[in-house]
């Protein structure tokens, strides 16, 4: 009898998670219902997630009063530890691996004494570096003066890309050298070419291009990583809801995009070198109502997608089939 109920539950999960609007379409991902092992560690609103593919770790940033702001899990789903120092309101999180070690970068959109900053931590939560002036919202005139910086992406070389901001006065994409000097800066508030309304997520592909989720304008914009030159934009896939996150699949063939208001992961065909064209949606994963997927990350070794869900207050793991 117990097995029967398990079967019914499993069938309902299957039906809810994998129902596809296209009949006969090949499913690309399935929910790992065993991740994490102890979901009760999610005690706040889970805004962001970052995978350390090299060491098999998953970092989760959450918000709330008296909750640990950063949780660390193994890729198998075991809770390892948490830390809380000097993080006020985490928005984006990114793990940077080098030959000599790894570190965790967090964008903090808080308005208190730690906010408006981009911070680098050791894997155990020791503060290593602060970019921006803590507690001070900045103007777009000064490169390292942030106003609610939304997300960061760091290349192996140490070069840094920041989208700033999450609804503040700045609407820009900034590239920094490994010693935190401005290489280029682009973007103002607006809907024209190269302008932004809430640039919310940023990633870099294997072909020298920077991809930005221009959330308020319901489009993705693409730039040359060396020069900051605008290369194109995608808006065709986002009439229902703007893109909240941009991450590539492990093979760089697809772009994984979260759409918070329609509770969906869109999987788009990534163009090879050359023209950006317009977007082609090859698959989608429909999440449960009110899940509100905010930001995602991809394990570049296993291909698994981790989704930070504000509504459901959890992170879910989807594994490629």
Protein backbone atom coordinates (compact mmCIF):
# COMPACT_ATOMS: atom_id res chain seq x y z
CA UNK A 1 0.00 0.00 0.00
CA UNK A 2 2.85 2.37 0.88
CA UNK A 3 4.48 1.72 -2.50
CA UNK A 4 1.23 2.56 -4.22
CA UNK A 5 1.19 6.02 -2.62
CA UNK A 6 4.82 6.55 -3.56
CA UNK A 7 3.92 5.62 -7.13
CA UNK A 8 0.97 8.06 -7.19
CA UNK A 9 3.16 10.85 -5.74
CA UNK A 10 5.88 10.12 -8.25
CA UNK A 11 3.36 10.15 -11.09
CA UNK A 12 2.02 13.54 -9.94
CA UNK A 13 5.54 14.97 -9.79
CA UNK A 14 6.18 13.55 -13.25
CA UNK A 15 2.98 15.06 -14.60
CA UNK A 16 3.58 18.47 -13.01
CA UNK A 17 7.22 18.77 -13.94
CA UNK A 18 7.46 17.24 -17.37
CA UNK A 19 4.22 18.09 -19.10
CA UNK A 20 5.27 19.54 -22.42
CA UNK A 21 3.24 21.86 -24.64
CA UNK A 22 4.74 20.15 -27.70
CA UNK A 23 3.56 16.61 -28.22
CA UNK A 24 6.28 14.12 -28.88
CA UNK A 25 8.99 16.59 -27.92
CA UNK A 26 12.11 15.03 -26.42
CA UNK A 27 12.49 15.95 -22.76
CA UNK A 28 15.92 17.38 -22.03
CA UNK A 29 15.94 17.60 -18.22
CA UNK A 30 14.34 15.89 -15.28
CA UNK A 31 13.90 17.06 -11.71
CA UNK A 32 16.20 15.42 -9.16
CA UNK A 33 13.62 14.89 -6.43
CA UNK A 34 16.34 13.79 -3.99
CA UNK A 35 18.19 17.15 -4.03
CA UNK A 36 18.86 18.45 -1.46
CA UNK A 37 18.69 15.73 1.16
CA UNK A 38 17.55 18.20 3.83
CA UNK A 39 15.47 21.01 2.31
CA UNK A 40 14.67 22.31 5.80
CA UNK A 41 17.98 24.19 5.65
CA UNK A 42 16.28 26.66 3.30
CA UNK A 43 14.95 29.10 5.91
CA UNK A 44 14.79 32.32 3.86
CA UNK A 45 14.09 33.44 0.31
CA UNK A 46 16.55 31.71 -2.01
CA UNK A 47 17.68 34.34 -4.50
CA UNK A 48 20.76 32.85 -6.12
CA UNK A 49 22.82 29.70 -6.59
CA UNK A 50 26.36 29.02 -7.79
CA UNK A 51 28.06 25.75 -8.66
CA UNK A 52 31.70 24.94 -7.99
CA UNK A 53 32.01 22.21 -10.61
CA UNK A 54 35.64 21.54 -9.74
CA UNK A 55 34.98 20.68 -6.09
CA UNK A 56 31.39 19.43 -6.36
CA UNK A 57 29.90 22.23 -4.22
CA UNK A 58 26.71 24.27 -4.52
CA UNK A 59 26.39 27.69 -2.85
CA UNK A 60 22.97 29.20 -2.17
CA UNK A 61 22.32 32.84 -1.25
CA UNK A 62 19.18 33.49 0.77
CA UNK A 63 17.57 36.49 2.45
CA UNK A 64 15.62 36.96 5.64
CA UNK A 65 16.00 38.09 9.24
CA UNK A 66 18.23 35.87 11.35
CA UNK A 67 18.86 33.35 8.59
CA UNK A 68 22.30 32.26 7.35
CA UNK A 69 22.83 34.19 4.13
CA UNK A 70 24.98 31.55 2.41
CA UNK A 71 24.34 27.79 2.51
CA UNK A 72 26.79 25.25 1.12
CA UNK A 73 25.71 21.83 -0.16
CA UNK A 74 27.51 18.99 -1.90
CA UNK A 75 26.39 18.24 -5.47
CA UNK A 76 24.81 15.05 -4.05
CA UNK A 77 22.61 17.27 -1.88
CA UNK A 78 24.20 16.98 1.57
CA UNK A 79 24.22 20.17 3.67
CA UNK A 80 27.81 21.07 4.60
CA UNK A 81 27.85 24.42 6.36
CA UNK A 82 26.54 28.00 6.32
CA UNK A 83 27.94 31.49 6.82
CA UNK A 84 26.50 34.91 7.37
CA UNK A 85 29.18 37.56 7.95
CA UNK A 86 29.00 40.85 6.03
CA UNK A 87 26.31 39.71 3.61
CA UNK A 88 23.16 41.78 3.84
CA UNK A 89 20.90 41.01 0.86
CA UNK A 90 22.55 38.61 -1.58
CA UNK A 91 21.30 38.98 -5.15
CA UNK A 92 23.81 37.18 -7.41
CA UNK A 93 26.50 34.63 -6.58
CA UNK A 94 29.38 33.16 -8.58
CA UNK A 95 32.20 30.68 -7.89
CA UNK A 96 35.60 31.49 -9.39
CA UNK A 97 38.14 28.68 -9.70
CA UNK A 98 41.83 29.17 -10.41
CA UNK A 99 44.87 26.90 -10.25
CA UNK A 100 45.56 28.03 -6.69
CA UNK A 101 42.07 27.94 -5.21
CA UNK A 102 38.45 28.98 -5.41
CA UNK A 103 36.49 31.94 -4.15
CA UNK A 104 32.86 33.02 -4.00
CA UNK A 105 31.69 36.37 -5.36
CA UNK A 106 28.40 37.86 -4.12
CA UNK A 107 26.51 40.96 -5.23
CA UNK A 108 24.82 42.63 -2.25
CA UNK A 109 21.83 44.89 -2.93
CA UNK A 110 21.17 45.71 0.72
CA UNK A 111 20.63 49.32 1.77
CA UNK A 112 22.39 48.96 5.13
CA UNK A 113 26.09 49.17 5.99
CA UNK A 114 27.15 46.24 3.76
CA UNK A 115 25.01 46.94 0.70
CA UNK A 116 25.68 48.22 -2.84
CA UNK A 117 28.81 46.12 -3.06
CA UNK A 118 30.36 43.20 -4.90
CA UNK A 119 32.30 41.01 -2.48
CA UNK A 120 34.72 38.12 -2.72
CA UNK A 121 34.81 35.43 -0.04
CA UNK A 122 36.82 32.33 0.70
CA UNK A 123 34.82 29.06 0.40
CA UNK A 124 34.36 29.19 4.18
CA UNK A 125 33.07 32.76 4.20
CA UNK A 126 36.13 34.88 4.97
CA UNK A 127 35.81 38.31 3.33
CA UNK A 128 38.68 38.83 0.88
CA UNK A 129 37.71 41.82 -1.27
CA UNK A 130 35.05 44.54 -1.43
CA UNK A 131 34.25 46.45 -4.62
CA UNK A 132 32.09 49.55 -4.21
CA UNK A 133 31.50 51.68 -1.12
CA UNK A 134 29.55 49.68 1.46
CA UNK A 135 26.22 51.25 2.29
CA UNK A 136 26.60 53.89 -0.42
CA UNK A 137 24.50 53.81 -3.59
CA UNK A 138 26.55 55.16 -6.45
CA UNK A 139 26.17 57.15 -9.59
CA UNK A 140 26.89 55.83 -13.05
CA UNK A 141 29.74 58.30 -13.40
CA UNK A 142 32.06 56.32 -11.11
CA UNK A 143 32.76 52.77 -12.33
CA UNK A 144 33.14 51.12 -8.93
CA UNK A 145 30.22 52.89 -7.27
CA UNK A 146 27.35 50.43 -7.49
CA UNK A 147 23.62 50.82 -6.99
CA UNK A 148 22.07 47.41 -6.36
CA UNK A 149 24.51 45.36 -8.48
CA UNK A 150 22.56 42.37 -9.79
CA UNK A 151 25.11 39.76 -10.84
CA UNK A 152 28.76 39.03 -11.53
CA UNK A 153 30.62 36.66 -13.85
CA UNK A 154 34.35 36.06 -13.47
CA UNK A 155 36.49 34.49 -16.17
CA UNK A 156 39.38 32.14 -15.45
CA UNK A 157 41.74 35.04 -16.22
CA UNK A 158 40.21 37.00 -13.34
CA UNK A 159 38.47 39.48 -15.61
CA UNK A 160 35.12 40.46 -14.14
CA UNK A 161 31.74 41.39 -15.64
CA UNK A 162 29.14 43.12 -13.46
CA UNK A 163 25.55 44.05 -14.32
CA UNK A 164 24.53 47.03 -12.20
CA UNK A 165 21.73 47.18 -11.23
CA UNK A 166 18.68 45.57 -9.87
CA UNK A 167 16.41 48.61 -10.11
CA UNK A 168 18.78 51.29 -8.83
CA UNK A 169 19.93 54.38 -10.72
CA UNK A 170 22.57 52.48 -12.72
CA UNK A 171 21.74 50.42 -15.81
CA UNK A 172 25.08 49.28 -17.10
CA UNK A 173 27.50 46.48 -17.89
CA UNK A 174 31.01 46.87 -16.55
CA UNK A 175 34.17 44.91 -17.35
CA UNK A 176 37.05 45.00 -14.86
CA UNK A 177 40.60 43.71 -15.07
CA UNK A 178 41.89 41.17 -12.55
CA UNK A 179 43.19 44.10 -10.48
CA UNK A 180 39.72 45.76 -10.52
CA UNK A 181 40.41 48.53 -13.04
CA UNK A 182 37.77 49.49 -15.59
CA UNK A 183 38.38 47.93 -19.03
CA UNK A 184 35.11 49.14 -20.50
CA UNK A 185 31.68 50.23 -19.38
CA UNK A 186 28.51 50.38 -21.44
CA UNK A 187 24.84 51.14 -20.93
CA UNK A 188 22.47 53.82 -19.71
CA UNK A 189 18.82 53.67 -18.71
CA UNK A 190 16.60 53.18 -21.75
CA UNK A 191 15.34 50.77 -24.39
CA UNK A 192 17.65 51.64 -27.27
CA UNK A 193 20.55 49.55 -28.56
CA UNK A 194 22.98 48.91 -25.73
CA UNK A 195 20.73 50.55 -23.14
CA UNK A 196 19.24 48.62 -20.21
CA UNK A 197 16.24 48.48 -17.92
CA UNK A 198 17.33 46.29 -15.02
CA UNK A 199 20.28 44.34 -16.43
CA UNK A 200 19.77 41.31 -14.19
CA UNK A 201 22.20 38.54 -15.16
CA UNK A 202 25.42 38.16 -17.15
CA UNK A 203 27.43 35.29 -18.60
CA UNK A 204 30.22 34.78 -21.12
CA UNK A 205 30.28 32.12 -23.85
CA UNK A 206 33.21 30.22 -25.36
CA UNK A 207 33.32 32.53 -28.39
CA UNK A 208 34.17 35.87 -26.78
CA UNK A 209 30.64 37.16 -26.27
CA UNK A 210 28.95 38.59 -23.19
CA UNK A 211 25.23 37.83 -22.74
CA UNK A 212 23.05 40.05 -20.55
CA UNK A 213 19.47 39.43 -19.37
CA UNK A 214 17.96 42.89 -19.96
CA UNK A 215 14.97 42.12 -17.79
CA UNK A 216 12.90 45.30 -18.00
CA UNK A 217 13.28 45.49 -21.78
CA UNK A 218 12.29 41.80 -22.17
CA UNK A 219 15.36 40.94 -24.20
CA UNK A 220 18.86 39.51 -24.07
CA UNK A 221 21.65 41.74 -25.38
CA UNK A 222 25.02 40.48 -26.58
CA UNK A 223 28.38 42.30 -26.51
CA UNK A 224 31.94 41.68 -27.63
CA UNK A 225 33.93 40.79 -24.53
CA UNK A 226 37.14 42.47 -25.75
CA UNK A 227 35.65 45.83 -26.75
CA UNK A 228 32.16 46.04 -25.26
CA UNK A 229 30.74 46.54 -28.76
CA UNK A 230 27.05 45.66 -29.17
CA UNK A 231 26.58 42.52 -31.29
CA UNK A 232 22.83 41.94 -31.27
CA UNK A 233 19.78 41.23 -29.15
CA UNK A 234 17.03 38.64 -28.72
CA UNK A 235 13.48 39.63 -27.89
CA UNK A 236 11.32 37.14 -29.79
CA UNK A 237 11.21 34.57 -26.98
CA UNK A 238 10.28 36.99 -24.21
CA UNK A 239 6.91 38.51 -25.11
CA UNK A 240 5.29 36.85 -22.08
CA UNK A 241 7.99 37.63 -19.54
CA UNK A 242 11.49 39.07 -19.55
CA UNK A 243 14.62 36.97 -18.97
CA UNK A 244 15.78 36.87 -15.36
CA UNK A 245 18.93 34.79 -15.80
CA UNK A 246 21.37 33.72 -18.50
CA UNK A 247 23.61 30.64 -18.26
CA UNK A 248 25.02 28.29 -20.88
CA UNK A 249 24.67 24.54 -20.90
CA UNK A 250 27.94 22.68 -20.32
CA UNK A 251 28.47 22.17 -24.07
CA UNK A 252 27.58 25.81 -24.89
CA UNK A 253 24.88 24.60 -27.30
CA UNK A 254 22.01 26.07 -25.28
CA UNK A 255 21.23 29.12 -23.22
CA UNK A 256 19.22 28.45 -20.04
CA UNK A 257 16.94 31.36 -19.13
CA UNK A 258 14.66 31.68 -16.09
CA UNK A 259 11.37 33.56 -16.51
CA UNK A 260 10.13 34.35 -13.03
CA UNK A 261 6.59 35.56 -13.64
CA UNK A 262 5.56 32.61 -15.80
CA UNK A 263 7.51 30.05 -13.72
CA UNK A 264 9.46 28.72 -16.66
CA UNK A 265 12.95 27.72 -17.74
CA UNK A 266 13.44 28.47 -21.43
CA UNK A 267 16.13 26.51 -23.25
CA UNK A 268 17.31 28.45 -26.31
CA UNK A 269 19.60 27.41 -29.13
CA UNK A 270 22.94 29.21 -28.75
CA UNK A 271 24.27 30.57 -32.04
CA UNK A 272 27.77 29.52 -33.05
CA UNK A 273 30.33 32.12 -34.07
CA UNK A 274 28.86 34.78 -36.30
CA UNK A 275 25.45 36.40 -36.45
CA UNK A 276 23.34 36.51 -33.28
CA UNK A 277 20.07 36.36 -35.24
CA UNK A 278 16.95 35.96 -33.09
CA UNK A 279 16.24 33.39 -30.43
CA UNK A 280 14.91 29.90 -31.04
CA UNK A 281 13.34 28.11 -28.09
CA UNK A 282 14.11 24.41 -28.35
CA UNK A 283 12.58 23.32 -25.07
CA UNK A 284 11.05 24.62 -21.88
CA UNK A 285 10.62 23.29 -18.38
CA UNK A 286 7.37 24.45 -16.80
CA UNK A 287 7.72 24.81 -13.04
CA UNK A 288 4.87 24.73 -10.53
CA UNK A 289 2.79 27.89 -10.02
CA UNK A 290 4.29 30.55 -7.74
CA UNK A 291 7.73 28.89 -7.86
CA UNK A 292 9.27 32.14 -9.15
CA UNK A 293 12.66 31.04 -10.56
CA UNK A 294 15.03 33.99 -10.03
CA UNK A 295 18.59 33.01 -10.98
CA UNK A 296 20.12 29.74 -12.17
CA UNK A 297 23.54 28.18 -12.48
CA UNK A 298 24.85 25.20 -14.44
CA UNK A 299 27.32 22.55 -13.34
CA UNK A 300 29.77 22.72 -16.26
CA UNK A 301 30.91 19.17 -15.54
CA UNK A 302 27.64 17.25 -15.16
CA UNK A 303 25.36 19.66 -17.04
CA UNK A 304 22.90 19.85 -14.13
CA UNK A 305 20.87 23.07 -13.76
CA UNK A 306 20.28 24.53 -10.30
CA UNK A 307 17.34 26.92 -9.97
CA UNK A 308 16.98 29.43 -7.10
CA UNK A 309 13.25 29.88 -6.53
CA UNK A 310 12.05 32.88 -4.52
CA UNK A 311 8.42 31.79 -4.38
CA UNK A 312 9.06 28.18 -3.42
CA UNK A 313 11.96 29.25 -1.14
CA UNK A 314 14.14 26.42 -2.34
CA UNK A 315 16.77 25.47 -4.88
CA UNK A 316 15.90 22.67 -7.28
CA UNK A 317 18.26 20.57 -9.38
CA UNK A 318 17.46 19.43 -12.91
CA UNK A 319 19.65 16.80 -14.51
CA UNK A 320 20.13 16.33 -18.26
CA UNK A 321 18.58 13.19 -19.71
